[in-house]
Protein backbone atom coordinates (compact mmCIF):
# COMPACT_ATOMS: atom_id res chain seq x y z
CA UNK A 1 -61.82 44.72 -5.46
CA UNK A 2 -60.40 41.25 -5.90
CA UNK A 3 -57.12 42.03 -4.08
CA UNK A 4 -56.85 40.31 -0.75
CA UNK A 5 -53.46 41.70 0.28
CA UNK A 6 -51.94 45.17 -0.38
CA UNK A 7 -48.26 45.56 0.44
CA UNK A 8 -46.78 49.02 0.69
CA UNK A 9 -43.01 49.41 0.48
CA UNK A 10 -42.06 52.70 2.16
CA UNK A 11 -43.18 54.33 5.42
CA UNK A 12 -43.21 57.94 4.33
CA UNK A 13 -46.03 60.22 3.52
CA UNK A 14 -47.23 58.32 0.43
CA UNK A 15 -47.12 54.90 2.07
CA UNK A 16 -48.80 55.85 5.24
CA UNK A 17 -51.48 57.86 3.42
CA UNK A 18 -52.21 54.90 1.07
CA UNK A 19 -52.67 52.49 4.03
CA UNK A 20 -55.13 54.70 5.99
CA UNK A 21 -56.94 55.78 2.83
CA UNK A 22 -57.53 52.17 1.94
CA UNK A 23 -59.39 51.64 5.20
CA UNK A 24 -61.30 54.91 4.74
CA UNK A 25 -62.31 53.73 1.21
CA UNK A 26 -63.72 50.55 2.67
CA UNK A 27 -60.98 48.12 1.67
CA UNK A 28 -61.20 45.15 3.97
CA UNK A 29 -58.29 42.98 2.76
CA UNK A 30 -54.86 42.84 4.39
CA UNK A 31 -52.74 45.96 4.38
CA UNK A 32 -48.99 45.93 5.28
CA UNK A 33 -46.36 48.61 5.33
CA UNK A 34 -42.78 47.58 4.99
CA UNK A 35 -40.56 50.42 6.10
CA UNK A 36 -36.77 50.50 6.20
CA UNK A 37 -36.97 53.21 8.79
CA UNK A 38 -36.56 52.62 12.45
CA UNK A 39 -39.46 54.79 13.40
CA UNK A 40 -43.16 54.65 12.52
CA UNK A 41 -44.27 57.17 9.85
CA UNK A 42 -43.79 60.82 10.83
CA UNK A 43 -44.61 64.29 9.49
CA UNK A 44 -41.42 65.12 7.51
CA UNK A 45 -41.94 68.91 7.24
CA UNK A 46 -41.53 69.25 11.05
CA UNK A 47 -37.92 68.01 10.78
CA UNK A 48 -36.37 71.14 9.33
CA UNK A 49 -38.69 73.57 11.28
CA UNK A 50 -40.68 73.18 14.48
CA UNK A 51 -39.16 69.90 15.75
CA UNK A 52 -35.64 71.01 14.90
CA UNK A 53 -36.23 74.15 16.93
CA UNK A 54 -37.67 72.21 19.86
CA UNK A 55 -41.11 73.76 19.50
CA UNK A 56 -43.10 70.48 19.23
CA UNK A 57 -42.73 67.31 21.16
CA UNK A 58 -41.72 64.04 19.61
CA UNK A 59 -45.21 62.51 19.84
CA UNK A 60 -46.65 65.28 17.64
CA UNK A 61 -44.26 64.42 14.85
CA UNK A 62 -45.72 61.00 14.28
CA UNK A 63 -48.50 60.74 11.84
CA UNK A 64 -50.42 58.15 13.84
CA UNK A 65 -50.18 56.52 17.21
CA UNK A 66 -49.20 52.86 17.47
CA UNK A 67 -52.76 52.08 18.46
CA UNK A 68 -54.16 53.55 15.29
CA UNK A 69 -52.28 50.98 13.13
CA UNK A 70 -53.68 48.23 15.24
CA UNK A 71 -57.20 49.66 15.23
CA UNK A 72 -57.20 49.91 11.41
CA UNK A 73 -55.60 46.49 11.09
CA UNK A 74 -52.54 47.90 9.27
CA UNK A 75 -49.50 45.69 9.71
CA UNK A 76 -46.48 48.03 10.24
CA UNK A 77 -43.12 46.34 9.90
CA UNK A 78 -40.16 48.63 10.66
CA UNK A 79 -36.57 48.05 9.74
CA UNK A 80 -37.63 45.95 6.75
CA UNK A 81 -35.63 46.65 3.64
CA UNK A 82 -36.99 45.20 0.44
CA UNK A 83 -34.19 44.33 -1.95
CA UNK A 84 -35.91 42.50 -4.79
CA UNK A 85 -38.82 40.24 -5.69
CA UNK A 86 -40.85 38.73 -8.61
CA UNK A 87 -43.94 40.33 -10.17
CA UNK A 88 -44.78 36.98 -11.75
CA UNK A 89 -44.75 35.25 -8.37
CA UNK A 90 -46.19 38.30 -6.53
CA UNK A 91 -43.41 38.19 -3.89
CA UNK A 92 -40.92 40.52 -2.34
CA UNK A 93 -37.49 39.63 -0.94
CA UNK A 94 -36.30 41.10 2.27
CA UNK A 95 -32.76 42.04 3.17
CA UNK A 96 -31.41 39.30 5.42
CA UNK A 97 -33.79 36.74 4.03
CA UNK A 98 -37.53 36.09 3.91
CA UNK A 99 -40.25 36.69 1.35
CA UNK A 100 -43.47 38.68 1.49
CA UNK A 101 -46.42 37.94 -0.76
CA UNK A 102 -48.77 40.51 -2.25
CA UNK A 103 -51.74 40.87 -4.64
CA UNK A 104 -51.25 44.62 -5.13
CA UNK A 105 -47.98 46.43 -4.54
CA UNK A 106 -47.41 50.14 -3.78
CA UNK A 107 -43.86 51.30 -4.04
CA UNK A 108 -43.15 54.59 -2.18
CA UNK A 109 -39.46 54.36 -1.45
CA UNK A 110 -38.69 58.08 -1.51
CA UNK A 111 -35.16 59.31 -1.89
CA UNK A 112 -31.66 59.42 -0.29
CA UNK A 113 -29.82 62.63 0.36
CA UNK A 114 -27.08 63.39 -2.03
CA UNK A 115 -23.59 63.69 -0.43
CA UNK A 116 -20.47 65.50 -1.51
CA UNK A 117 -17.99 62.95 -2.76
CA UNK A 118 -15.07 64.80 -1.12
CA UNK A 119 -16.78 65.58 2.22
CA UNK A 120 -15.14 63.87 5.16
CA UNK A 121 -17.00 61.20 7.13
CA UNK A 122 -17.09 63.39 10.24
CA UNK A 123 -19.71 63.27 13.02
CA UNK A 124 -20.43 66.98 12.45
CA UNK A 125 -21.06 66.61 8.70
CA UNK A 126 -24.77 65.72 8.34
CA UNK A 127 -27.65 65.35 6.03
CA UNK A 128 -31.41 65.71 6.90
CA UNK A 129 -33.95 63.18 5.79
CA UNK A 130 -35.13 61.06 8.63
CA UNK A 131 -36.44 61.66 12.14
CA UNK A 132 -33.17 60.32 13.53
CA UNK A 133 -31.30 62.84 11.35
CA UNK A 134 -33.39 65.71 12.75
CA UNK A 135 -32.84 64.52 16.29
CA UNK A 136 -29.05 64.37 15.73
CA UNK A 137 -29.03 67.75 14.04
CA UNK A 138 -31.07 69.32 16.80
CA UNK A 139 -28.62 68.06 19.43
CA UNK A 140 -25.69 69.25 17.35
CA UNK A 141 -27.20 72.74 16.82
CA UNK A 142 -27.50 73.18 20.61
CA UNK A 143 -23.73 72.86 20.91
CA UNK A 144 -22.62 74.68 17.72
CA UNK A 145 -21.67 78.27 17.12
CA UNK A 146 -21.51 78.49 13.33
CA UNK A 147 -23.36 76.25 10.92
CA UNK A 148 -22.27 75.76 7.36
CA UNK A 149 -25.11 74.96 4.95
CA UNK A 150 -24.02 73.50 1.58
CA UNK A 151 -26.92 74.14 -0.63
CA UNK A 152 -29.63 76.81 -0.55
CA UNK A 153 -32.61 74.82 -1.64
CA UNK A 154 -35.70 74.42 0.55
CA UNK A 155 -34.18 72.11 3.10
CA UNK A 156 -31.10 74.21 3.46
CA UNK A 157 -33.10 77.44 3.64
CA UNK A 158 -35.48 76.10 6.24
CA UNK A 159 -32.69 74.73 8.47
CA UNK A 160 -30.91 78.10 8.03
CA UNK A 161 -33.99 79.93 9.19
CA UNK A 162 -34.40 77.58 12.18
CA UNK A 163 -30.73 78.00 13.10
CA UNK A 164 -31.00 81.79 13.03
CA UNK A 165 -34.09 81.48 15.19
CA UNK A 166 -31.92 79.63 17.68
CA UNK A 167 -29.38 82.41 17.59
CA UNK A 168 -26.75 80.52 15.61
CA UNK A 169 -24.38 82.02 13.06
CA UNK A 170 -25.10 80.57 9.56
CA UNK A 171 -22.98 80.46 6.46
CA UNK A 172 -24.90 79.32 3.44
CA UNK A 173 -22.90 78.21 0.34
CA UNK A 174 -24.67 77.77 -3.02
CA UNK A 175 -22.92 76.64 -6.17
CA UNK A 176 -25.44 78.30 -8.42
CA UNK A 177 -25.40 82.00 -9.16
CA UNK A 178 -28.88 82.36 -7.53
CA UNK A 179 -30.65 80.16 -5.07
CA UNK A 180 -33.56 78.15 -6.48
CA UNK A 181 -33.10 79.90 -9.82
CA UNK A 182 -33.57 76.68 -11.89
CA UNK A 183 -36.92 75.94 -10.19
CA UNK A 184 -38.34 79.38 -9.48
CA UNK A 185 -36.36 81.84 -11.71
CA UNK A 186 -33.50 84.17 -10.82
CA UNK A 187 -35.67 87.05 -9.62
CA UNK A 188 -37.52 84.90 -7.06
CA UNK A 189 -34.19 83.40 -6.07
CA UNK A 190 -32.71 86.74 -5.43
CA UNK A 191 -35.75 87.64 -3.19
CA UNK A 192 -35.01 84.52 -1.15
CA UNK A 193 -31.32 85.32 -0.88
CA UNK A 194 -32.15 88.87 0.35
CA UNK A 195 -34.60 87.45 2.91
CA UNK A 196 -31.83 85.28 4.48
CA UNK A 197 -29.25 88.02 4.29
CA UNK A 198 -31.60 90.54 6.01
CA UNK A 199 -31.85 87.95 8.85
CA UNK A 200 -28.05 87.78 9.28
CA UNK A 201 -27.32 84.69 7.10
CA UNK A 202 -23.99 84.94 5.30
CA UNK A 203 -25.19 83.84 1.80
CA UNK A 204 -22.42 83.03 -0.77
CA UNK A 205 -23.71 82.24 -4.21
CA UNK A 206 -21.51 80.92 -7.10
CA UNK A 207 -19.39 79.35 -4.37
CA UNK A 208 -18.29 75.83 -3.41
CA UNK A 209 -16.32 74.02 -0.76
CA UNK A 210 -12.77 73.40 -2.04
CA UNK A 211 -11.00 72.04 1.03
CA UNK A 212 -12.09 70.72 4.42
CA UNK A 213 -10.17 71.44 7.54
CA UNK A 214 -10.42 68.37 9.85
CA UNK A 215 -9.00 68.10 13.36
CA UNK A 216 -9.49 65.05 15.51
CA UNK A 217 -12.17 63.69 13.32
CA UNK A 218 -14.34 66.80 13.11
CA UNK A 219 -14.59 69.59 10.59
CA UNK A 220 -13.30 72.83 11.96
CA UNK A 221 -13.34 74.94 8.89
CA UNK A 222 -13.54 75.05 5.05
CA UNK A 223 -11.71 76.78 2.22
CA UNK A 224 -14.14 78.06 -0.22
CA UNK A 225 -13.78 78.50 -4.01
CA UNK A 226 -13.42 82.27 -3.36
CA UNK A 227 -10.22 81.46 -1.45
CA UNK A 228 -11.52 82.42 1.98
CA UNK A 229 -10.98 80.21 5.00
CA UNK A 230 -14.08 80.04 7.13
CA UNK A 231 -14.39 78.50 10.61
CA UNK A 232 -17.41 76.32 11.27
CA UNK A 233 -18.31 73.66 13.79
CA UNK A 234 -21.30 72.00 12.13
CA UNK A 235 -22.03 71.22 8.51
CA UNK A 236 -25.34 70.27 6.84
CA UNK A 237 -25.13 69.12 3.23
CA UNK A 238 -28.50 69.87 1.58
CA UNK A 239 -28.04 69.34 -2.16
CA UNK A 240 -31.16 67.37 -2.87
CA UNK A 241 -31.95 63.65 -3.09
CA UNK A 242 -31.50 60.68 -5.31
CA UNK A 243 -34.77 58.80 -5.86
CA UNK A 244 -34.59 55.24 -4.50
CA UNK A 245 -35.04 53.20 -7.69
CA UNK A 246 -33.24 50.04 -6.75
CA UNK A 247 -36.48 48.09 -6.05
CA UNK A 248 -38.20 49.25 -9.22
CA UNK A 249 -35.11 48.26 -11.20
CA UNK A 250 -35.04 44.86 -9.60
CA UNK A 251 -38.63 44.34 -10.53
CA UNK A 252 -37.95 45.47 -14.16
CA UNK A 253 -40.29 48.44 -14.01
CA UNK A 254 -39.91 51.07 -16.67
CA UNK A 255 -37.34 53.60 -15.58
CA UNK A 256 -37.13 56.95 -17.49
CA UNK A 257 -34.38 59.32 -16.29
CA UNK A 258 -34.73 59.57 -12.58
CA UNK A 259 -38.28 58.19 -12.14
CA UNK A 260 -40.53 55.18 -12.70
CA UNK A 261 -42.90 55.75 -15.69
CA UNK A 262 -46.49 55.31 -14.45
CA UNK A 263 -49.86 56.04 -16.02
CA UNK A 264 -52.23 58.87 -15.06
CA UNK A 265 -53.40 56.79 -12.07
CA UNK A 266 -49.86 56.01 -10.94
CA UNK A 267 -49.94 52.42 -12.19
CA UNK A 268 -46.50 51.12 -13.27
CA UNK A 269 -47.43 47.46 -14.10
CA UNK A 270 -50.39 45.12 -13.46
CA UNK A 271 -51.19 45.60 -9.80
CA UNK A 272 -48.14 47.71 -9.16
CA UNK A 273 -48.26 51.43 -8.24
CA UNK A 274 -45.47 53.91 -7.65
CA UNK A 275 -45.93 57.09 -5.66
CA UNK A 276 -44.14 60.15 -4.38
CA UNK A 277 -40.46 61.10 -5.24
CA UNK A 278 -39.91 58.12 -7.59
CA UNK A 279 -43.11 58.48 -9.75
CA UNK A 280 -42.86 60.02 -13.29
CA UNK A 281 -46.46 60.87 -13.60
CA UNK A 282 -48.20 62.09 -16.89
CA UNK A 283 -50.33 64.66 -15.16
CA UNK A 284 -53.81 64.89 -16.84
CA UNK A 285 -54.31 68.58 -16.04
CA UNK A 286 -50.77 69.83 -16.73
CA UNK A 287 -50.59 67.60 -19.78
CA UNK A 288 -46.89 66.67 -19.25
CA UNK A 289 -45.00 64.03 -17.36
CA UNK A 290 -43.63 65.29 -14.04
CA UNK A 291 -41.74 63.92 -11.06
CA UNK A 292 -42.12 66.02 -7.93
CA UNK A 293 -40.20 65.68 -4.64
CA UNK A 294 -42.61 67.26 -2.20
CA UNK A 295 -44.45 65.94 0.89
CA UNK A 296 -47.96 67.07 -0.07
CA UNK A 297 -47.62 65.50 -3.48
CA UNK A 298 -46.52 62.15 -1.96
CA UNK A 299 -49.47 62.15 0.47
CA UNK A 300 -51.95 62.80 -2.31
CA UNK A 301 -50.34 60.12 -4.42
CA UNK A 302 -50.95 57.68 -1.62
CA UNK A 303 -54.62 58.68 -1.30
CA UNK A 304 -55.18 58.50 -5.03
CA UNK A 305 -53.68 55.02 -5.26
CA UNK A 306 -55.92 53.85 -2.36
CA UNK A 307 -58.97 55.05 -4.25
CA UNK A 308 -57.94 53.14 -7.38
CA UNK A 309 -57.32 49.99 -5.46
CA UNK A 310 -60.56 50.19 -3.48
CA UNK A 311 -63.02 51.57 -6.05
CA UNK A 312 -61.36 51.24 -9.55
CA UNK A 313 -58.47 52.71 -11.39
CA UNK A 314 -58.78 56.46 -11.73
CA UNK A 315 -56.37 59.36 -12.73
CA UNK A 316 -54.67 61.43 -10.09
CA UNK A 317 -55.60 64.92 -11.08
CA UNK A 318 -54.74 67.18 -8.06
CA UNK A 319 -52.13 69.85 -8.88
CA UNK A 320 -48.71 69.49 -7.29
CA UNK A 321 -48.59 71.66 -4.12
CA UNK A 322 -45.92 72.55 -1.69
CA UNK A 323 -45.30 75.17 0.97
CA UNK A 324 -42.30 76.42 2.91
CA UNK A 325 -42.19 78.63 6.03
CA UNK A 326 -39.02 80.54 6.71
CA UNK A 327 -38.96 83.34 9.31
CA UNK A 328 -42.18 85.22 8.90
CA UNK A 329 -42.38 84.42 5.24
CA UNK A 330 -44.89 81.86 3.96
CA UNK A 331 -44.45 80.47 0.45
CA UNK A 332 -46.99 78.38 -1.40
CA UNK A 333 -46.61 76.89 -4.89
CA UNK A 334 -49.25 75.21 -7.03
CA UNK A 335 -48.65 73.58 -10.45
CA UNK A 336 -45.42 72.62 -12.12
CA UNK A 337 -43.04 74.96 -14.06
CA UNK A 338 -39.47 75.95 -14.26
CA UNK A 339 -37.38 79.07 -13.82
CA UNK A 340 -37.17 79.32 -17.61
CA UNK A 341 -40.90 79.83 -18.06
CA UNK A 342 -42.33 83.31 -18.49
CA UNK A 343 -42.81 84.95 -15.04
CA UNK A 344 -45.56 87.48 -14.45
CA UNK A 345 -45.39 89.29 -11.14
CA UNK A 346 -48.42 90.52 -9.18
CA UNK A 347 -48.36 92.34 -5.86
CA UNK A 348 -45.85 93.95 -3.57
CA UNK A 349 -42.41 92.44 -4.13
CA UNK A 350 -40.57 94.82 -1.77
CA UNK A 351 -43.15 94.19 0.94
CA UNK A 352 -42.91 90.40 0.42
CA UNK A 353 -46.57 89.94 -0.39
CA UNK A 354 -46.89 88.89 -4.00
CA UNK A 355 -47.54 86.12 -6.45
CA UNK A 356 -45.61 84.97 -9.59
CA UNK A 357 -47.48 83.24 -12.40
CA UNK A 358 -45.40 81.02 -14.63
CA UNK A 359 -46.65 80.81 -18.24
CA UNK A 360 -45.61 78.68 -21.15
CA UNK A 361 -47.17 79.31 -24.53
CA UNK A 362 -49.62 81.62 -22.90
CA UNK A 363 -50.89 78.93 -20.52
CA UNK A 364 -50.50 79.23 -16.70
CA UNK A 365 -48.39 76.26 -15.57
CA UNK A 366 -47.75 77.24 -11.98
CA UNK A 367 -48.24 80.00 -9.40
CA UNK A 368 -45.88 80.87 -6.54
CA UNK A 369 -47.06 83.10 -3.72
CA UNK A 370 -45.31 84.72 -0.82
CA UNK A 371 -47.66 85.74 2.02
CA UNK A 372 -50.46 85.84 -0.60
CA UNK A 373 -52.59 82.70 0.08
CA UNK A 374 -55.84 83.78 -1.58
CA UNK A 375 -54.16 84.53 -4.98
CA UNK A 376 -52.28 81.29 -4.78
CA UNK A 377 -55.58 79.29 -4.29
CA UNK A 378 -57.24 81.26 -7.13
CA UNK A 379 -54.21 80.66 -9.36
CA UNK A 380 -54.45 76.97 -8.80
CA UNK A 381 -58.09 77.01 -9.91
CA UNK A 382 -57.08 78.91 -13.03
CA UNK A 383 -54.55 76.29 -13.87
CA UNK A 384 -57.15 73.47 -13.25
CA UNK A 385 -59.71 75.22 -15.39
CA UNK A 386 -57.15 75.76 -18.14
CA UNK A 387 -58.13 79.52 -18.15
CA UNK A 388 -56.06 81.60 -20.44
CA UNK A 389 -55.42 85.04 -18.82
CA UNK A 390 -53.48 87.90 -20.35
CA UNK A 391 -50.23 88.94 -18.64
CA UNK A 392 -51.48 92.44 -18.00
CA UNK A 393 -54.64 91.06 -16.30
CA UNK A 394 -52.51 88.78 -14.13
CA UNK A 395 -50.29 91.55 -13.09
CA UNK A 396 -53.12 94.09 -12.30
CA UNK A 397 -53.87 93.89 -8.63
CA UNK A 398 -57.17 95.78 -9.16
CA UNK A 399 -58.55 92.78 -10.99
CA UNK A 400 -60.27 90.13 -8.94
CA UNK A 401 -58.90 86.88 -10.45
CA UNK A 402 -61.59 84.84 -8.98
CA UNK A 403 -64.08 86.52 -11.28
CA UNK A 404 -62.24 84.86 -14.21
CA UNK A 405 -62.95 81.34 -13.00
CA UNK A 406 -65.35 79.20 -14.97
CA UNK A 407 -68.81 78.99 -13.45
CA UNK A 408 -70.26 75.64 -12.53
CA UNK A 409 -72.79 74.25 -15.02
C-alpha cells in the first residue's frame, strides 16, 4: 500500500476498529485518530445497559487501554473537532486552528441525538450518546423517582428496562401508534410494548408532550397530548440521531438524503472512506443501498475499510447485524428490511421465543429473533446464500432450516 499516513476522523466503533485492524492487517504507516470526544473510544452498547445500571466498572467500558494505542503506534488525539479541509491538498482543518495532513482519510463521525425543539434547557432533560451522557444519566437516575422517556426506540427501551431494574417508575411516551413499527412492523412493535407494560412501564403510544412544567430550572411535570398532567423528575429524549455530515459536506463528498454515497467497499472519493452511521452503502448481498445506525455495523465497516487500505480495495459484504437486551429478552436482527415488508412468523410468540422473516418479492431481506439465536444465525445464512424459501416452510418449526442452506462446493 502506497499510503504513508491514514487519518481517521471519529473515535467511535468504526474509527477505533479501523485503526486496530490496520495494524492487524500489517499496515506499517502512520495511523491517527482525531476524536471530538473527551474520552478514548468506548463500547457504546454498555451505556444504556450494564454501565448505566452500575454493573460494570468504567475501565471495562473502554475498548482499549491507553497503553494499547501506544503499543500499536496509533496516535489518539482527543477533543479534536475537524471542521473542514481540502481533498486536493490532503489536509484537514481543526476547530481553533491547525491542519492535519493525510494520504488516506476515514470519516466515521457518527451522529448527534435529535432534540425536541420545544424542550426546555433543563439539567434534568437529557439525551444519551456519549460516555459522559451515560455517567450523568446514571447519577440522575439514582436520585430520581419517575423517569419520562420520550421515544420508544431501542435506546429509550433499553434505558427504560435499566431504570425498571433499578426500581424506578418509568413513563414511556411514543408519538407513533406502535413502538418500532416502521422498522420492525406493528405486530413486533406490539410485542415490545407488551413486554415493557408487563414489567411495569407506563407505555403511552400515539402520544406526545404538549407542555413542560418547569420550576426553578427543572422539569417537574409534563402535559401530554391526551390532556393528562404527569409528574416526572427526569427526562430522557430518545428520538434518534442526525448523521454528522458537516465534514463530508465541507469536503464536497456526494450526499444523498441523510448519508454519504459510497461504493461497495465504502469508498466515497479517491483515498476517502466513510463508515458507520453516515455511510450510504450499496450492499452487494442485499442488492440495495442502505444506511444503518448500529454499533456492530460500524465496527465491521471499520474493519472492512482497514482491509481495503492494507491489502487492496474490496467490497464489504457482511450483513447488517444488531442486538438488544431488555429484561430477560434478547433480540437479534440480521439483514435489512422495513416494517412494510411481508412478515412470516416462526415459533412461540406468546412465550417470547420466535423469529420473524421479512420478505420482499419472495426474497428474505432480514430476520428478527427473540430468544431464538440459532434460527437467527441460520436466517442470516439463508439471506447470504440468496436462498428462496416458501412462507409455509419458514413458518413450520418442524423444518430444520439449516438443511436448506447451500452446500459447499
